[in-house]
Amino acid sequence: MTAAWPKRITAVGEVLVSLQAPAGAALATAREWTVRIAGAEANFAVAFARAGGQARICTAVGVDPPGDRVATELAGHGLDLTHLHRDPSRPTALMLNERSAGERTVHYYRSGSAASAITVEQVLASADGAVVLSGVTLAVCADLRDRFAALLAGLVEAGVPLLLDLNLRPSLGHVEQVVAALRAAAPYSLAVFAGRDEATAVFGSDAAEAHSELVLKDGPAGSWVNGVHIPAVPITVVDPVGAGDAFAGSYSGLRACGVPPVPSARVAARVAARVVATPGDLDGLPTPDEIAAWRRLVSA
């Protein structure tokens, strides 16, 4: 798909409250837990905004204290919460985390969550700019998965492009439906972000020809933008979760500001490195001024 990159996005997905034990401590014995928020689409949206764009989030939380926490923190990051729904009959999703030696163990409590009940109609009503979708959202949200043809048709009719982050998570189930939806969405996407293995799982051997702008992410091995290799920035890993979301969000924000693909990826690699060097998904995101300085550096 060839189209201008809008400076606004609507990120669709679940935002969770994250409770994390101190580094090296077990959840069962830790006397204190750190409270944060988490979720791939929220991470993407905040990174997009830091890179110069404007971001709205379409999500749902319960009418409960965790839902209050999500709303407060998302607002603090400058996101448009016009389409954050409060569901009185379902809880906000939770995740518990243990971290040791640069690895994180996560326990999810998201079955029956408010966000799992996001509807096609809610997404279409919220769509502004480009819509960010991922395999996680399609696995978690039954209505979006089961009625994906209607969702895609509505977005196409409205002229709304997609930003597609595969984020294929077989542990969440519904793999065949999710893969079919991701394949159907790719031709209408400004860019597709994928790990190497999941790109092959979704598109097969012709992944590079699946859409107009392919961004492959491969952790310490770096990334590939339309076949051009972008080295990763060497860093000591503290917490690897959230780096891919930060890369994709900042890359998209820079592209929306008119930066070409390769310089966008070089800056995004710096953003991802900062995130993995910091606990939590959002704590390490650089400021807009830092991203602007990196943008000038790679452009020079």
Protein backbone atom coordinates (compact mmCIF):
# COMPACT_ATOMS: atom_id res chain seq x y z
CA MET A 1 0.00 0.00 0.00
CA THR A 2 1.41 3.40 -0.98
CA ALA A 3 0.02 6.34 1.00
CA ALA A 4 1.14 9.33 3.02
CA TRP A 5 1.93 8.63 6.65
CA PRO A 6 -0.54 10.53 8.85
CA LYS A 7 0.79 12.26 11.95
CA ARG A 8 -1.98 10.73 14.06
CA ILE A 9 -2.51 7.13 15.06
CA THR A 10 -5.15 5.19 16.95
CA ALA A 11 -3.57 2.26 18.80
CA VAL A 12 -6.03 -0.55 19.53
CA GLY A 13 -5.38 -3.02 22.31
CA GLU A 14 -5.27 -4.01 25.96
CA VAL A 15 -3.49 -1.95 28.60
CA LEU A 16 -2.64 -3.82 31.79
CA VAL A 17 -1.53 -2.86 35.26
CA SER A 18 1.87 -4.43 35.84
CA LEU A 19 3.04 -5.43 39.32
CA GLN A 20 6.77 -6.16 39.42
CA ALA A 21 8.93 -7.60 42.17
CA PRO A 22 12.38 -6.06 42.74
CA ALA A 23 15.15 -7.42 40.53
CA GLY A 24 16.18 -10.90 41.65
CA ALA A 25 13.27 -11.23 44.10
CA ALA A 26 10.38 -13.68 43.85
CA LEU A 27 6.83 -12.42 43.70
CA ALA A 28 5.86 -14.84 46.44
CA THR A 29 8.33 -13.38 48.94
CA ALA A 30 8.89 -9.77 47.88
CA ARG A 31 7.61 -7.27 50.44
CA GLU A 32 7.06 -4.56 47.85
CA TRP A 33 5.90 -4.56 44.23
CA THR A 34 6.42 -1.73 41.77
CA VAL A 35 3.26 -0.64 39.93
CA ARG A 36 3.46 0.28 36.25
CA ILE A 37 1.27 -0.01 33.18
CA ALA A 38 2.06 -2.22 30.20
CA GLY A 39 0.71 -3.27 26.84
CA ALA A 40 2.19 -3.42 23.35
CA GLU A 41 -0.16 -0.86 21.82
CA ALA A 42 0.26 1.62 24.68
CA ASN A 43 4.04 1.29 24.33
CA PHE A 44 3.76 1.88 20.58
CA ALA A 45 1.51 4.92 21.07
CA VAL A 46 3.74 6.62 23.66
CA ALA A 47 6.85 6.04 21.52
CA PHE A 48 5.02 7.42 18.47
CA ALA A 49 4.11 10.57 20.40
CA ARG A 50 7.66 11.02 21.72
CA ALA A 51 8.93 10.85 18.12
CA GLY A 52 6.73 13.73 17.04
CA GLY A 53 3.29 12.33 16.27
CA GLN A 54 -0.07 12.43 18.03
CA ALA A 55 -1.54 9.24 19.48
CA ARG A 56 -4.99 8.12 20.52
CA ILE A 57 -5.65 4.81 22.22
CA CYS A 58 -8.75 2.65 21.83
CA THR A 59 -8.91 0.37 24.84
CA ALA A 60 -11.14 -0.60 27.75
CA VAL A 61 -10.53 -0.89 31.47
CA GLY A 62 -12.74 -1.70 34.41
CA VAL A 63 -14.42 0.71 36.76
CA ASP A 64 -11.82 -0.18 39.37
CA PRO A 65 -8.59 1.22 40.88
CA PRO A 66 -6.36 -0.49 38.26
CA GLY A 67 -8.48 1.15 35.57
CA ASP A 68 -7.99 4.52 37.27
CA ARG A 69 -4.24 3.89 37.28
CA VAL A 70 -4.20 3.10 33.55
CA ALA A 71 -6.21 6.22 32.68
CA THR A 72 -4.04 8.48 34.82
CA GLU A 73 -0.74 7.18 33.44
CA LEU A 74 -1.84 7.21 29.80
CA ALA A 75 -3.02 10.81 30.21
CA GLY A 76 0.33 11.65 31.78
CA HIS A 77 2.04 10.42 28.63
CA GLY A 78 -0.08 12.78 26.54
CA LEU A 79 -2.30 10.24 24.82
CA ASP A 80 -5.80 11.06 23.59
CA LEU A 81 -8.17 9.07 25.83
CA THR A 82 -11.41 10.00 24.06
CA HIS A 83 -11.94 6.32 23.28
CA LEU A 84 -10.81 4.76 26.53
CA HIS A 85 -13.92 2.86 27.62
CA ARG A 86 -14.78 2.11 31.26
CA ASP A 87 -16.59 -1.23 31.60
CA PRO A 88 -18.49 -1.68 34.89
CA SER A 89 -18.95 -5.42 34.35
CA ARG A 90 -15.36 -6.49 33.57
CA PRO A 91 -12.04 -5.92 35.36
CA THR A 92 -8.85 -4.25 34.18
CA ALA A 93 -6.24 -6.79 33.08
CA LEU A 94 -3.27 -7.47 35.35
CA MET A 95 0.21 -8.91 34.94
CA LEU A 96 2.74 -9.96 37.58
CA ASN A 97 6.47 -9.86 36.82
CA GLU A 98 9.68 -11.34 38.16
CA ARG A 99 13.00 -10.18 36.71
CA SER A 100 16.41 -11.83 37.00
CA ALA A 101 19.58 -11.75 34.87
CA GLY A 102 17.97 -9.66 32.15
CA GLU A 103 14.98 -11.99 31.75
CA ARG A 104 11.40 -11.45 32.82
CA THR A 105 8.84 -14.06 33.88
CA VAL A 106 5.27 -12.87 33.45
CA HIS A 107 1.97 -14.15 34.85
CA TYR A 108 -1.12 -12.74 33.10
CA TYR A 109 -4.62 -12.22 34.51
CA ARG A 110 -6.49 -11.05 31.42
CA SER A 111 -9.26 -13.63 30.86
CA GLY A 112 -12.59 -11.80 30.74
CA SER A 113 -10.93 -8.40 31.00
CA ALA A 114 -12.61 -5.19 29.90
CA ALA A 115 -10.28 -4.90 26.89
CA SER A 116 -11.09 -8.42 25.72
CA ALA A 117 -14.59 -7.11 24.93
CA ILE A 118 -13.49 -4.29 22.57
CA THR A 119 -15.82 -4.31 19.57
CA VAL A 120 -15.47 -3.63 15.86
CA GLU A 121 -17.84 -0.68 16.25
CA GLN A 122 -15.68 0.86 18.96
CA VAL A 123 -12.58 0.62 16.78
CA LEU A 124 -14.28 2.11 13.72
CA ALA A 125 -15.66 4.97 15.82
CA SER A 126 -12.22 5.72 17.23
CA ALA A 127 -10.18 5.43 14.02
CA ASP A 128 -8.17 8.57 13.33
CA GLY A 129 -5.03 8.75 11.20
CA ALA A 130 -3.59 5.24 10.96
CA VAL A 131 -4.84 2.36 13.11
CA VAL A 132 -2.25 0.26 14.95
CA LEU A 133 -3.15 -3.43 15.24
CA SER A 134 -1.18 -6.42 16.47
CA GLY A 135 -1.50 -10.16 16.78
CA VAL A 136 -1.84 -9.75 20.54
CA THR A 137 -4.94 -7.58 20.13
CA LEU A 138 -6.50 -10.02 17.68
CA ALA A 139 -5.82 -12.95 20.03
CA VAL A 140 -7.21 -11.17 23.10
CA CYS A 141 -10.25 -9.40 21.57
CA ALA A 142 -12.78 -11.96 20.39
CA ASP A 143 -15.06 -9.61 18.46
CA LEU A 144 -12.18 -8.12 16.46
CA ARG A 145 -10.89 -11.61 15.66
CA ASP A 146 -14.25 -13.15 14.77
CA ARG A 147 -15.45 -10.16 12.72
CA PHE A 148 -12.16 -9.11 11.26
CA ALA A 149 -13.51 -8.97 7.72
CA ALA A 150 -16.06 -6.37 8.83
CA LEU A 151 -13.39 -4.39 10.69
CA LEU A 152 -11.04 -4.36 7.72
CA ALA A 153 -13.83 -3.44 5.30
CA GLY A 154 -14.88 -0.54 7.52
CA LEU A 155 -11.34 0.82 7.76
CA VAL A 156 -10.75 0.48 4.02
CA GLU A 157 -14.06 2.18 3.21
CA ALA A 158 -13.11 5.07 5.51
CA GLY A 159 -9.67 5.34 3.91
CA VAL A 160 -7.89 4.50 7.18
CA PRO A 161 -4.50 2.78 6.70
CA LEU A 162 -3.00 0.30 9.14
CA LEU A 163 0.27 -0.03 10.98
CA LEU A 164 0.65 -3.76 11.60
CA ASP A 165 2.88 -5.17 14.33
CA LEU A 166 2.61 -8.96 13.98
CA ASN A 167 3.34 -9.76 17.65
CA LEU A 168 2.23 -13.34 17.03
CA ARG A 169 1.81 -15.04 20.42
CA PRO A 170 0.79 -18.72 20.04
CA SER A 171 0.39 -19.00 23.83
CA LEU A 172 -2.70 -16.77 23.55
CA GLY A 173 -4.39 -19.26 21.19
CA HIS A 174 -6.55 -18.70 18.08
CA VAL A 175 -3.41 -18.87 15.94
CA GLU A 176 -5.07 -19.77 12.63
CA GLN A 177 -7.61 -16.94 12.89
CA VAL A 178 -4.96 -14.43 13.94
CA VAL A 179 -2.60 -15.42 11.12
CA ALA A 180 -5.41 -15.18 8.56
CA ALA A 181 -6.33 -11.70 9.82
CA LEU A 182 -2.72 -10.49 9.74
CA ARG A 183 -2.33 -11.74 6.17
CA ALA A 184 -5.52 -9.97 5.13
CA ALA A 185 -4.44 -6.72 6.79
CA ALA A 186 -0.92 -6.53 5.32
CA PRO A 187 -1.91 -5.11 1.88
CA TYR A 188 -3.64 -2.19 3.62
CA SER A 189 -0.69 -1.41 5.92
CA LEU A 190 1.77 1.44 5.63
CA ALA A 191 4.32 -0.82 7.32
CA VAL A 192 4.50 -4.26 8.84
CA PHE A 193 6.76 -4.87 11.86
CA ALA A 194 7.79 -8.44 12.53
CA GLY A 195 10.33 -10.71 14.09
CA ARG A 196 12.02 -12.94 11.52
CA ASP A 197 10.33 -16.15 12.68
CA GLU A 198 6.86 -14.67 12.94
CA ALA A 199 7.18 -13.05 9.50
CA THR A 200 7.81 -16.49 8.01
CA ALA A 201 4.97 -18.00 10.05
CA VAL A 202 2.50 -15.40 8.77
CA PHE A 203 3.67 -14.72 5.22
CA GLY A 204 5.84 -17.71 4.32
CA SER A 205 9.00 -17.39 2.27
CA ASP A 206 7.69 -14.37 0.33
CA ALA A 207 7.50 -12.17 3.44
CA ALA A 208 9.57 -9.42 1.81
CA GLU A 209 6.92 -9.02 -0.88
CA ALA A 210 3.92 -9.00 1.45
CA HIS A 211 3.58 -5.21 1.59
CA SER A 212 5.27 -1.93 0.77
CA GLU A 213 7.39 -1.38 3.90
CA LEU A 214 8.71 -4.37 5.85
CA VAL A 215 10.61 -3.86 9.10
CA LEU A 216 12.16 -7.03 10.52
CA LYS A 217 13.24 -6.91 14.17
CA ASP A 218 15.82 -9.37 15.47
CA GLY A 219 16.94 -8.11 18.88
CA PRO A 220 20.75 -7.99 19.27
CA ALA A 221 21.17 -8.82 15.56
CA GLY A 222 19.54 -5.49 14.67
CA SER A 223 16.79 -4.82 12.19
CA TRP A 224 16.19 -4.85 8.44
CA VAL A 225 14.19 -2.15 6.66
CA ASN A 226 13.23 -3.22 3.16
CA GLY A 227 16.35 -5.39 3.15
CA VAL A 228 18.78 -2.79 4.56
CA HIS A 229 20.48 -3.94 7.78
CA ILE A 230 20.43 -1.57 10.77
CA PRO A 231 22.81 -2.69 13.55
CA ALA A 232 21.53 -2.80 17.10
CA VAL A 233 23.03 -0.36 19.59
CA PRO A 234 25.20 -2.30 22.10
CA ILE A 235 23.73 -2.08 25.59
CA THR A 236 23.55 -4.00 28.85
CA VAL A 237 20.12 -5.62 28.95
CA VAL A 238 18.16 -5.00 32.14
CA ASP A 239 14.64 -5.77 30.87
CA PRO A 240 14.07 -6.80 27.23
CA VAL A 241 10.28 -6.43 27.22
CA GLY A 242 8.90 -3.44 25.34
CA ALA A 243 11.92 -2.84 23.12
CA GLY A 244 10.17 -4.02 19.94
CA ASP A 245 7.14 -1.84 20.66
CA ALA A 246 9.37 1.18 21.28
CA PHE A 247 11.25 0.53 18.04
CA ALA A 248 8.07 0.23 15.98
CA GLY A 249 6.38 3.23 17.60
CA SER A 250 9.33 5.59 17.31
CA TYR A 251 10.06 4.43 13.76
CA SER A 252 6.43 5.14 12.81
CA GLY A 253 6.45 8.53 14.52
CA LEU A 254 9.56 9.56 12.60
CA ARG A 255 8.16 8.28 9.31
CA ALA A 256 5.01 10.30 10.00
CA CYS A 257 7.25 13.37 10.38
CA GLY A 258 8.76 12.76 6.96
CA VAL A 259 11.99 11.00 7.96
CA PRO A 260 13.08 8.33 5.43
CA PRO A 261 13.01 4.63 6.44
CA VAL A 262 16.71 4.01 7.15
CA PRO A 263 17.35 7.10 9.33
CA SER A 264 14.07 6.35 11.15
CA ALA A 265 15.31 2.84 11.91
CA ARG A 266 18.69 4.10 13.13
CA VAL A 267 16.99 6.41 15.62
CA ALA A 268 14.51 3.68 16.59
CA ALA A 269 17.44 1.36 17.37
CA ARG A 270 18.72 3.92 19.87
CA VAL A 271 15.25 4.19 21.42
CA ALA A 272 15.00 0.39 21.78
CA ALA A 273 18.46 0.24 23.38
CA ARG A 274 17.44 2.81 25.98
CA VAL A 275 14.30 0.81 26.79
CA VAL A 276 16.08 -2.53 27.32
CA ALA A 277 18.57 -0.83 29.66
CA THR A 278 15.73 0.22 31.99
CA PRO A 279 13.14 -1.73 34.02
CA GLY A 280 9.57 -1.46 32.76
CA ASP A 281 8.16 -0.89 29.30
CA LEU A 282 7.92 2.93 29.31
CA ASP A 283 10.43 4.09 31.91
CA GLY A 284 13.37 4.13 29.51
CA LEU A 285 11.74 5.93 26.60
CA PRO A 286 13.82 8.99 25.68
CA THR A 287 12.32 12.47 25.70
CA PRO A 288 11.13 14.18 22.51
CA ASP A 289 14.21 16.43 22.65
CA GLU A 290 16.55 13.43 22.83
CA ILE A 291 14.84 11.77 19.87
CA ALA A 292 15.05 15.03 17.91
CA ALA A 293 18.79 15.23 18.68
CA TRP A 294 19.32 11.64 17.52
CA ARG A 295 17.35 12.40 14.38
CA ARG A 296 19.69 15.31 13.58
CA LEU A 297 22.71 13.12 14.32
CA VAL A 298 21.78 10.27 11.99
CA SER A 299 20.70 12.71 9.30
CA ALA A 300 24.12 14.38 9.43
